[in-house]
PDB file of N, CA and C in Angstrom:
ATOM      1  N   MET A   1     -24.014  14.457  20.297  1.00  0.00           N
ATOM      2  CA  MET A   1     -22.786  15.234  20.316  1.00  0.00           C
ATOM      3  C   MET A   1     -23.135  16.623  20.835  1.00  0.00           C
ATOM      4  N   THR A   2     -22.309  17.135  21.748  1.00  0.00           N
ATOM      5  CA  THR A   2     -22.569  18.455  22.314  1.00  0.00           C
ATOM      6  C   THR A   2     -22.219  19.537  21.309  1.00  0.00           C
ATOM      7  N   THR A   3     -22.696  20.747  21.613  1.00  0.00           N
ATOM      8  CA  THR A   3     -22.413  21.882  20.741  1.00  0.00           C
ATOM      9  C   THR A   3     -20.920  22.142  20.664  1.00  0.00           C
ATOM     10  N   ASP A   4     -20.218  22.042  21.804  1.00  0.00           N
ATOM     11  CA  ASP A   4     -18.766  22.245  21.809  1.00  0.00           C
ATOM     12  C   ASP A   4     -18.069  21.242  20.905  1.00  0.00           C
ATOM     13  N   GLN A   5     -18.480  19.979  20.974  1.00  0.00           N
ATOM     14  CA  GLN A   5     -17.882  18.959  20.126  1.00  0.00           C
ATOM     15  C   GLN A   5     -18.168  19.254  18.659  1.00  0.00           C
ATOM     16  N   SER A   6     -19.395  19.636  18.362  1.00  0.00           N
ATOM     17  CA  SER A   6     -19.758  19.964  16.979  1.00  0.00           C
ATOM     18  C   SER A   6     -18.917  21.123  16.477  1.00  0.00           C
ATOM     19  N   THR A   7     -18.740  22.120  17.314  1.00  0.00           N
ATOM     20  CA  THR A   7     -17.937  23.285  16.939  1.00  0.00           C
ATOM     21  C   THR A   7     -16.492  22.879  16.678  1.00  0.00           C
ATOM     22  N   GLN A   8     -15.947  22.035  17.547  1.00  0.00           N
ATOM     23  CA  GLN A   8     -14.567  21.582  17.378  1.00  0.00           C
ATOM     24  C   GLN A   8     -14.400  20.786  16.087  1.00  0.00           C
ATOM     25  N   TRP A   9     -15.334  19.884  15.810  1.00  0.00           N
ATOM     26  CA  TRP A   9     -15.243  19.098  14.587  1.00  0.00           C
ATOM     27  C   TRP A   9     -15.397  19.999  13.359  1.00  0.00           C
ATOM     28  N   GLN A  10     -16.293  20.995  13.448  1.00  0.00           N
ATOM     29  CA  GLN A  10     -16.480  21.901  12.321  1.00  0.00           C
ATOM     30  C   GLN A  10     -15.230  22.738  12.093  1.00  0.00           C
ATOM     31  N   GLU A  11     -14.600  23.205  13.181  1.00  0.00           N
ATOM     32  CA  GLU A  11     -13.366  23.975  13.045  1.00  0.00           C
ATOM     33  C   GLU A  11     -12.278  23.126  12.407  1.00  0.00           C
ATOM     34  N   LEU A  12     -12.168  21.878  12.845  1.00  0.00           N
ATOM     35  CA  LEU A  12     -11.185  20.975  12.269  1.00  0.00           C
ATOM     36  C   LEU A  12     -11.457  20.759  10.780  1.00  0.00           C
ATOM     37  N   ALA A  13     -12.713  20.522  10.442  1.00  0.00           N
ATOM     38  CA  ALA A  13     -13.076  20.327   9.030  1.00  0.00           C
ATOM     39  C   ALA A  13     -12.754  21.573   8.211  1.00  0.00           C
ATOM     40  N   ASP A  14     -13.041  22.749   8.756  1.00  0.00           N
ATOM     41  CA  ASP A  14     -12.741  24.005   8.056  1.00  0.00           C
ATOM     42  C   ASP A  14     -11.248  24.163   7.817  1.00  0.00           C
ATOM     43  N   ARG A  15     -10.460  23.844   8.819  1.00  0.00           N
ATOM     44  CA  ARG A  15      -9.005  23.972   8.683  1.00  0.00           C
ATOM     45  C   ARG A  15      -8.445  22.972   7.674  1.00  0.00           C
ATOM     46  N   VAL A  16      -8.966  21.751   7.700  1.00  0.00           N
ATOM     47  CA  VAL A  16      -8.516  20.747   6.737  1.00  0.00           C
ATOM     48  C   VAL A  16      -8.889  21.188   5.327  1.00  0.00           C
ATOM     49  N   GLU A  17     -10.080  21.753   5.180  1.00  0.00           N
ATOM     50  CA  GLU A  17     -10.511  22.238   3.867  1.00  0.00           C
ATOM     51  C   GLU A  17      -9.600  23.366   3.383  1.00  0.00           C
ATOM     52  N   ALA A  18      -9.247  24.285   4.281  1.00  0.00           N
ATOM     53  CA  ALA A  18      -8.343  25.385   3.919  1.00  0.00           C
ATOM     54  C   ALA A  18      -6.970  24.843   3.529  1.00  0.00           C
ATOM     55  N   LEU A  19      -6.482  23.873   4.265  1.00  0.00           N
ATOM     56  CA  LEU A  19      -5.199  23.256   3.947  1.00  0.00           C
ATOM     57  C   LEU A  19      -5.260  22.571   2.582  1.00  0.00           C
ATOM     58  N   ALA A  20      -6.352  21.865   2.327  1.00  0.00           N
ATOM     59  CA  ALA A  20      -6.511  21.188   1.038  1.00  0.00           C
ATOM     60  C   ALA A  20      -6.489  22.196  -0.108  1.00  0.00           C
ATOM     61  N   LEU A  21      -7.119  23.338   0.085  1.00  0.00           N
ATOM     62  CA  LEU A  21      -7.123  24.374  -0.950  1.00  0.00           C
ATOM     63  C   LEU A  21      -5.709  24.891  -1.205  1.00  0.00           C
ATOM     64  N   LYS A  22      -4.962  25.124  -0.146  1.00  0.00           N
ATOM     65  CA  LYS A  22      -3.580  25.591  -0.297  1.00  0.00           C
ATOM     66  C   LYS A  22      -2.734  24.554  -1.032  1.00  0.00           C
ATOM     67  N   LEU A  23      -2.896  23.282  -0.655  1.00  0.00           N
ATOM     68  CA  LEU A  23      -2.147  22.218  -1.331  1.00  0.00           C
ATOM     69  C   LEU A  23      -2.542  22.135  -2.802  1.00  0.00           C
ATOM     70  N   LYS A  24      -3.831  22.294  -3.080  1.00  0.00           N
ATOM     71  CA  LYS A  24      -4.312  22.267  -4.460  1.00  0.00           C
ATOM     72  C   LYS A  24      -3.655  23.375  -5.275  1.00  0.00           C
ATOM     73  N   LEU A  25      -3.566  24.565  -4.702  1.00  0.00           N
ATOM     74  CA  LEU A  25      -2.937  25.681  -5.403  1.00  0.00           C
ATOM     75  C   LEU A  25      -1.464  25.388  -5.702  1.00  0.00           C
ATOM     76  N   HIS A  26      -0.778  24.790  -4.753  1.00  0.00           N
ATOM     77  CA  HIS A  26       0.632  24.438  -4.964  1.00  0.00           C
ATOM     78  C   HIS A  26       0.771  23.391  -6.071  1.00  0.00           C
ATOM     79  N   VAL A  27      -0.125  22.419  -6.067  1.00  0.00           N
ATOM     80  CA  VAL A  27      -0.090  21.386  -7.104  1.00  0.00           C
ATOM     81  C   VAL A  27      -0.354  22.017  -8.465  1.00  0.00           C
ATOM     82  N   GLU A  28      -1.318  22.919  -8.525  1.00  0.00           N
ATOM     83  CA  GLU A  28      -1.615  23.583  -9.795  1.00  0.00           C
ATOM     84  C   GLU A  28      -0.425  24.403 -10.285  1.00  0.00           C
ATOM     85  N   GLN A  29       0.300  25.021  -9.360  1.00  0.00           N
ATOM     86  CA  GLN A  29       1.474  25.807  -9.739  1.00  0.00           C
ATOM     87  C   GLN A  29       2.597  24.904 -10.261  1.00  0.00           C
ATOM     88  N   ALA A  30       2.608  23.653  -9.800  1.00  0.00           N
ATOM     89  CA  ALA A  30       3.650  22.721 -10.223  1.00  0.00           C
ATOM     90  C   ALA A  30       3.437  22.259 -11.662  1.00  0.00           C
ATOM     91  N   GLY A  31       2.298  22.560 -12.231  1.00  0.00           N
ATOM     92  CA  GLY A  31       2.045  22.180 -13.620  1.00  0.00           C
ATOM     93  C   GLY A  31       1.009  21.084 -13.721  1.00  0.00           C
ATOM     94  N   ASP A  32       0.800  20.616 -14.926  1.00  0.00           N
ATOM     95  CA  ASP A  32      -0.219  19.614 -15.194  1.00  0.00           C
ATOM     96  C   ASP A  32       0.357  18.212 -15.009  1.00  0.00           C
ATOM     97  N   ASN A  33       0.496  17.814 -13.759  1.00  0.00           N
ATOM     98  CA  ASN A  33       1.052  16.502 -13.440  1.00  0.00           C
ATOM     99  C   ASN A  33      -0.094  15.599 -12.994  1.00  0.00           C
ATOM    100  N   ARG A  34      -0.525  14.701 -13.858  1.00  0.00           N
ATOM    101  CA  ARG A  34      -1.676  13.838 -13.586  1.00  0.00           C
ATOM    102  C   ARG A  34      -1.447  12.939 -12.363  1.00  0.00           C
ATOM    103  N   GLU A  35      -0.246  12.445 -12.199  1.00  0.00           N
ATOM    104  CA  GLU A  35       0.044  11.568 -11.058  1.00  0.00           C
ATOM    105  C   GLU A  35      -0.170  12.303  -9.738  1.00  0.00           C
ATOM    106  N   VAL A  36       0.295  13.544  -9.657  1.00  0.00           N
ATOM    107  CA  VAL A  36       0.142  14.326  -8.432  1.00  0.00           C
ATOM    108  C   VAL A  36      -1.340  14.597  -8.180  1.00  0.00           C
ATOM    109  N   ARG A  37      -2.074  14.974  -9.230  1.00  0.00           N
ATOM    110  CA  ARG A  37      -3.507  15.243  -9.058  1.00  0.00           C
ATOM    111  C   ARG A  37      -4.247  13.987  -8.614  1.00  0.00           C
ATOM    112  N   ASP A  38      -3.904  12.849  -9.193  1.00  0.00           N
ATOM    113  CA  ASP A  38      -4.549  11.595  -8.796  1.00  0.00           C
ATOM    114  C   ASP A  38      -4.228  11.245  -7.343  1.00  0.00           C
ATOM    115  N   ALA A  39      -2.979  11.422  -6.959  1.00  0.00           N
ATOM    116  CA  ALA A  39      -2.569  11.139  -5.576  1.00  0.00           C
ATOM    117  C   ALA A  39      -3.300  12.060  -4.601  1.00  0.00           C
ATOM    118  N   MET A  40      -3.410  13.329  -4.965  1.00  0.00           N
ATOM    119  CA  MET A  40      -4.110  14.284  -4.091  1.00  0.00           C
ATOM    120  C   MET A  40      -5.597  13.927  -3.985  1.00  0.00           C
ATOM    121  N   GLY A  41      -6.174  13.469  -5.079  1.00  0.00           N
ATOM    122  CA  GLY A  41      -7.581  13.046  -5.053  1.00  0.00           C
ATOM    123  C   GLY A  41      -7.790  11.860  -4.131  1.00  0.00           C
ATOM    124  N   ARG A  42      -6.876  10.894  -4.209  1.00  0.00           N
ATOM    125  CA  ARG A  42      -6.969   9.727  -3.308  1.00  0.00           C
ATOM    126  C   ARG A  42      -6.773  10.145  -1.859  1.00  0.00           C
ATOM    127  N   LEU A  43      -5.820  11.050  -1.625  1.00  0.00           N
ATOM    128  CA  LEU A  43      -5.581  11.536  -0.264  1.00  0.00           C
ATOM    129  C   LEU A  43      -6.819  12.232   0.279  1.00  0.00           C
ATOM    130  N   ARG A  44      -7.436  13.065  -0.548  1.00  0.00           N
ATOM    131  CA  ARG A  44      -8.650  13.785  -0.126  1.00  0.00           C
ATOM    132  C   ARG A  44      -9.745  12.794   0.254  1.00  0.00           C
ATOM    133  N   ALA A  45      -9.951  11.794  -0.576  1.00  0.00           N
ATOM    134  CA  ALA A  45     -10.983  10.792  -0.304  1.00  0.00           C
ATOM    135  C   ALA A  45     -10.674  10.026   0.980  1.00  0.00           C
ATOM    136  N   ASP A  46      -9.412   9.679   1.183  1.00  0.00           N
ATOM    137  CA  ASP A  46      -9.017   8.955   2.401  1.00  0.00           C
ATOM    138  C   ASP A  46      -9.211   9.801   3.654  1.00  0.00           C
ATOM    139  N   VAL A  47      -8.873  11.083   3.565  1.00  0.00           N
ATOM    140  CA  VAL A  47      -9.043  11.981   4.715  1.00  0.00           C
ATOM    141  C   VAL A  47     -10.524  12.147   5.038  1.00  0.00           C
ATOM    142  N   GLU A  48     -11.342  12.329   4.004  1.00  0.00           N
ATOM    143  CA  GLU A  48     -12.787  12.451   4.235  1.00  0.00           C
ATOM    144  C   GLU A  48     -13.341  11.197   4.893  1.00  0.00           C
ATOM    145  N   GLU A  49     -12.884  10.035   4.437  1.00  0.00           N
ATOM    146  CA  GLU A  49     -13.333   8.770   5.014  1.00  0.00           C
ATOM    147  C   GLU A  49     -12.901   8.649   6.476  1.00  0.00           C
ATOM    148  N   ALA A  50     -11.677   9.060   6.771  1.00  0.00           N
ATOM    149  CA  ALA A  50     -11.172   8.991   8.146  1.00  0.00           C
ATOM    150  C   ALA A  50     -11.981   9.898   9.066  1.00  0.00           C
ATOM    151  N   PHE A  51     -12.290  11.113   8.604  1.00  0.00           N
ATOM    152  CA  PHE A  51     -13.068  12.030   9.442  1.00  0.00           C
ATOM    153  C   PHE A  51     -14.496  11.528   9.628  1.00  0.00           C
ATOM    154  N   GLN A  52     -15.058  10.918   8.608  1.00  0.00           N
ATOM    155  CA  GLN A  52     -16.397  10.348   8.734  1.00  0.00           C
ATOM    156  C   GLN A  52     -16.393   9.232   9.775  1.00  0.00           C
ATOM    157  N   ALA A  53     -15.376   8.374   9.727  1.00  0.00           N
ATOM    158  CA  ALA A  53     -15.269   7.284  10.703  1.00  0.00           C
ATOM    159  C   ALA A  53     -15.092   7.833  12.115  1.00  0.00           C
ATOM    160  N   ALA A  54     -14.267   8.881  12.256  1.00  0.00           N
ATOM    161  CA  ALA A  54     -14.069   9.482  13.582  1.00  0.00           C
ATOM    162  C   ALA A  54     -15.369  10.087  14.085  1.00  0.00           C
ATOM    163  N   GLY A  55     -16.096  10.752  13.207  1.00  0.00           N
ATOM    164  CA  GLY A  55     -17.383  11.332  13.600  1.00  0.00           C
ATOM    165  C   GLY A  55     -18.367  10.268  14.038  1.00  0.00           C
ATOM    166  N   ASN A  56     -18.401   9.154  13.325  1.00  0.00           N
ATOM    167  CA  ASN A  56     -19.275   8.043  13.708  1.00  0.00           C
ATOM    168  C   ASN A  56     -18.856   7.455  15.051  1.00  0.00           C
ATOM    169  N   ALA A  57     -17.557   7.330  15.259  1.00  0.00           N
ATOM    170  CA  ALA A  57     -17.053   6.749  16.515  1.00  0.00           C
ATOM    171  C   ALA A  57     -17.429   7.622  17.698  1.00  0.00           C
ATOM    172  N   VAL A  58     -17.373   8.940  17.531  1.00  0.00           N
ATOM    173  CA  VAL A  58     -17.697   9.863  18.622  1.00  0.00           C
ATOM    174  C   VAL A  58     -19.151   9.693  19.050  1.00  0.00           C
ATOM    175  N   GLN A  59     -20.006   9.327  18.123  1.00  0.00           N
ATOM    176  CA  GLN A  59     -21.427   9.171  18.444  1.00  0.00           C
ATOM    177  C   GLN A  59     -21.740   7.805  19.051  1.00  0.00           C
ATOM    178  N   ASP A  60     -20.797   6.886  19.026  1.00  0.00           N
ATOM    179  CA  ASP A  60     -20.988   5.545  19.554  1.00  0.00           C
ATOM    180  C   ASP A  60     -20.813   5.567  21.070  1.00  0.00           C
ATOM    181  N   ASN A  61     -21.856   5.164  21.803  1.00  0.00           N
ATOM    182  CA  ASN A  61     -21.805   5.184  23.270  1.00  0.00           C
ATOM    183  C   ASN A  61     -20.696   4.301  23.825  1.00  0.00           C
ATOM    184  N   ALA A  62     -20.449   3.159  23.199  1.00  0.00           N
ATOM    185  CA  ALA A  62     -19.395   2.257  23.680  1.00  0.00           C
ATOM    186  C   ALA A  62     -18.028   2.908  23.526  1.00  0.00           C
ATOM    187  N   VAL A  63     -17.812   3.601  22.418  1.00  0.00           N
ATOM    188  CA  VAL A  63     -16.533   4.294  22.209  1.00  0.00           C
ATOM    189  C   VAL A  63     -16.382   5.414  23.233  1.00  0.00           C
ATOM    190  N   ARG A  64     -17.436   6.183  23.451  1.00  0.00           N
ATOM    191  CA  ARG A  64     -17.358   7.270  24.447  1.00  0.00           C
ATOM    192  C   ARG A  64     -17.074   6.716  25.838  1.00  0.00           C
ATOM    193  N   ALA A  65     -17.683   5.575  26.170  1.00  0.00           N
ATOM    194  CA  ALA A  65     -17.429   4.961  27.477  1.00  0.00           C
ATOM    195  C   ALA A  65     -15.969   4.528  27.585  1.00  0.00           C
ATOM    196  N   ASP A  66     -15.431   3.954  26.511  1.00  0.00           N
ATOM    197  CA  ASP A  66     -14.022   3.538  26.516  1.00  0.00           C
ATOM    198  C   ASP A  66     -13.101   4.744  26.648  1.00  0.00           C
ATOM    199  N   VAL A  67     -13.423   5.826  25.958  1.00  0.00           N
ATOM    200  CA  VAL A  67     -12.600   7.041  26.047  1.00  0.00           C
ATOM    201  C   VAL A  67     -12.620   7.576  27.476  1.00  0.00           C
ATOM    202  N   ARG A  68     -13.798   7.591  28.095  1.00  0.00           N
ATOM    203  CA  ARG A  68     -13.878   8.049  29.496  1.00  0.00           C
ATOM    204  C   ARG A  68     -13.041   7.161  30.414  1.00  0.00           C
ATOM    205  N   GLU A  69     -13.113   5.840  30.203  1.00  0.00           N
ATOM    206  CA  GLU A  69     -12.354   4.906  31.047  1.00  0.00           C
ATOM    207  C   GLU A  69     -10.854   5.084  30.840  1.00  0.00           C
ATOM    208  N   VAL A  70     -10.433   5.245  29.595  1.00  0.00           N
ATOM    209  CA  VAL A  70      -9.013   5.481  29.323  1.00  0.00           C
ATOM    210  C   VAL A  70      -8.583   6.796  29.989  1.00  0.00           C
ATOM    211  N   GLY A  71      -9.407   7.819  29.888  1.00  0.00           N
ATOM    212  CA  GLY A  71      -9.099   9.098  30.541  1.00  0.00           C
ATOM    213  C   GLY A  71      -8.973   8.945  32.047  1.00  0.00           C
ATOM    214  N   ARG A  72      -9.886   8.173  32.644  1.00  0.00           N
ATOM    215  CA  ARG A  72      -9.827   7.943  34.097  1.00  0.00           C
ATOM    216  C   ARG A  72      -8.557   7.202  34.478  1.00  0.00           C
ATOM    217  N   LEU A  73      -8.213   6.165  33.716  1.00  0.00           N
ATOM    218  CA  LEU A  73      -6.999   5.401  34.004  1.00  0.00           C
ATOM    219  C   LEU A  73      -5.749   6.261  33.843  1.00  0.00           C
ATOM    220  N   LEU A  74      -5.730   7.093  32.802  1.00  0.00           N
ATOM    221  CA  LEU A  74      -4.595   7.988  32.591  1.00  0.00           C
ATOM    222  C   LEU A  74      -4.474   8.974  33.750  1.00  0.00           C
ATOM    223  N   THR A  75      -5.597   9.531  34.165  1.00  0.00           N
ATOM    224  CA  THR A  75      -5.593  10.468  35.290  1.00  0.00           C
ATOM    225  C   THR A  75      -5.085   9.797  36.558  1.00  0.00           C
ATOM    226  N   ASP A  76      -5.554   8.574  36.828  1.00  0.00           N
ATOM    227  CA  ASP A  76      -5.102   7.838  38.016  1.00  0.00           C
ATOM    228  C   ASP A  76      -3.598   7.566  37.954  1.00  0.00           C
ATOM    229  N   ALA A  77      -3.115   7.156  36.777  1.00  0.00           N
ATOM    230  CA  ALA A  77      -1.686   6.854  36.623  1.00  0.00           C
ATOM    231  C   ALA A  77      -0.846   8.114  36.830  1.00  0.00           C
ATOM    232  N   LEU A  78      -1.273   9.227  36.245  1.00  0.00           N
ATOM    233  CA  LEU A  78      -0.537  10.485  36.408  1.00  0.00           C
ATOM    234  C   LEU A  78      -0.571  10.948  37.858  1.00  0.00           C
ATOM    235  N   ASP A  79      -1.727  10.810  38.508  1.00  0.00           N
ATOM    236  CA  ASP A  79      -1.853  11.192  39.907  1.00  0.00           C
ATOM    237  C   ASP A  79      -0.890  10.389  40.774  1.00  0.00           C
ATOM    238  N   THR A  80      -0.825   9.090  40.539  1.00  0.00           N
ATOM    239  CA  THR A  80       0.092   8.228  41.292  1.00  0.00           C
ATOM    240  C   THR A  80       1.544   8.628  41.043  1.00  0.00           C
ATOM    241  N   ALA A  81       1.873   8.869  39.783  1.00  0.00           N
ATOM    242  CA  ALA A  81       3.250   9.241  39.449  1.00  0.00           C
ATOM    243  C   ALA A  81       3.634  10.572  40.092  1.00  0.00           C
ATOM    244  N   PHE A  82       2.761  11.569  40.014  1.00  0.00           N
ATOM    245  CA  PHE A  82       3.078  12.871  40.595  1.00  0.00           C
ATOM    246  C   PHE A  82       3.119  12.825  42.120  1.00  0.00           C
ATOM    247  N   THR A  83       2.273  11.996  42.717  1.00  0.00           N
ATOM    248  CA  THR A  83       2.313  11.824  44.175  1.00  0.00           C
ATOM    249  C   THR A  83       3.650  11.225  44.588  1.00  0.00           C
ATOM    250  N   ARG A  84       4.112  10.217  43.858  1.00  0.00           N
ATOM    251  CA  ARG A  84       5.388   9.567  44.149  1.00  0.00           C
ATOM    252  C   ARG A  84       6.547  10.556  43.986  1.00  0.00           C
ATOM    253  N   VAL A  85       6.539  11.321  42.887  1.00  0.00           N
ATOM    254  CA  VAL A  85       7.599  12.309  42.653  1.00  0.00           C
ATOM    255  C   VAL A  85       7.579  13.365  43.751  1.00  0.00           C
ATOM    256  N   GLY A  86       6.379  13.812  44.116  1.00  0.00           N
ATOM    257  CA  GLY A  86       6.268  14.807  45.188  1.00  0.00           C
ATOM    258  C   GLY A  86       6.846  14.297  46.497  1.00  0.00           C
ATOM    259  N   ALA A  87       6.582  13.033  46.822  1.00  0.00           N
ATOM    260  CA  ALA A  87       7.114  12.440  48.050  1.00  0.00           C
ATOM    261  C   ALA A  87       8.635  12.368  47.991  1.00  0.00           C
ATOM    262  N   GLN A  88       9.171  12.010  46.823  1.00  0.00           N
ATOM    263  CA  GLN A  88      10.623  11.927  46.682  1.00  0.00           C
ATOM    264  C   GLN A  88      11.277  13.301  46.795  1.00  0.00           C
ATOM    265  N   VAL A  89      10.647  14.320  46.235  1.00  0.00           N
ATOM    266  CA  VAL A  89      11.188  15.683  46.335  1.00  0.00           C
ATOM    267  C   VAL A  89      11.157  16.143  47.796  1.00  0.00           C
ATOM    268  N   ARG A  90      10.066  15.873  48.497  1.00  0.00           N
ATOM    269  CA  ARG A  90       9.983  16.231  49.918  1.00  0.00           C
ATOM    270  C   ARG A  90      11.092  15.547  50.710  1.00  0.00           C
ATOM    271  N   GLU A  91      11.334  14.265  50.435  1.00  0.00           N
ATOM    272  CA  GLU A  91      12.396  13.529  51.117  1.00  0.00           C
ATOM    273  C   GLU A  91      13.754  14.182  50.892  1.00  0.00           C
ATOM    274  N   LEU A  92      14.021  14.571  49.661  1.00  0.00           N
ATOM    275  CA  LEU A  92      15.292  15.213  49.354  1.00  0.00           C
ATOM    276  C   LEU A  92      15.454  16.509  50.137  1.00  0.00           C
ATOM    277  N   PHE A  93      14.415  17.324  50.184  1.00  0.00           N
ATOM    278  CA  PHE A  93      14.501  18.575  50.915  1.00  0.00           C
ATOM    279  C   PHE A  93      14.629  18.351  52.424  1.00  0.00           C
ATOM    280  N   GLU A  94      13.954  17.335  52.934  1.00  0.00           N
ATOM    281  CA  GLU A  94      14.043  17.040  54.361  1.00  0.00           C
ATOM    282  C   GLU A  94      15.436  16.555  54.729  1.00  0.00           C
ATOM    283  N   ARG A  95      16.066  15.782  53.872  1.00  0.00           N
ATOM    284  CA  ARG A  95      17.425  15.300  54.139  1.00  0.00           C
ATOM    285  C   ARG A  95      18.427  16.453  54.132  1.00  0.00           C
ATOM    286  N   ARG A  96      18.215  17.430  53.300  1.00  0.00           N
ATOM    287  CA  ARG A  96      19.138  18.558  53.188  1.00  0.00           C
ATOM    288  C   ARG A  96      18.954  19.572  54.307  1.00  0.00           C
ATOM    289  N   SER A  97      17.807  19.519  54.967  1.00  0.00           N
ATOM    290  CA  SER A  97      17.536  20.500  56.015  1.00  0.00           C
ATOM    291  C   SER A  97      18.210  20.147  57.310  1.00  0.00           C
TER     292      SER A  97
END
């Protein structure tokens, strides 16, 4: 993983942690509601698990190759679409001239 990627993941983790703290404070202000605390605990565990899985996926060469291929296909599709739109706009202007 590159330094930029590490920095981005760390920033995301920091922001999620800050959000979790804010949510915790709101829950605490709501009173001693065990159901809410239990739900928040499960949510925290699920979010941590999801980020761990995403981090593992980023390090997988096959996943990175698939992401690059999807990016290439998306770029090609957008290029084709914009080329077609550009040609249609040119046609409209040429007809009006």
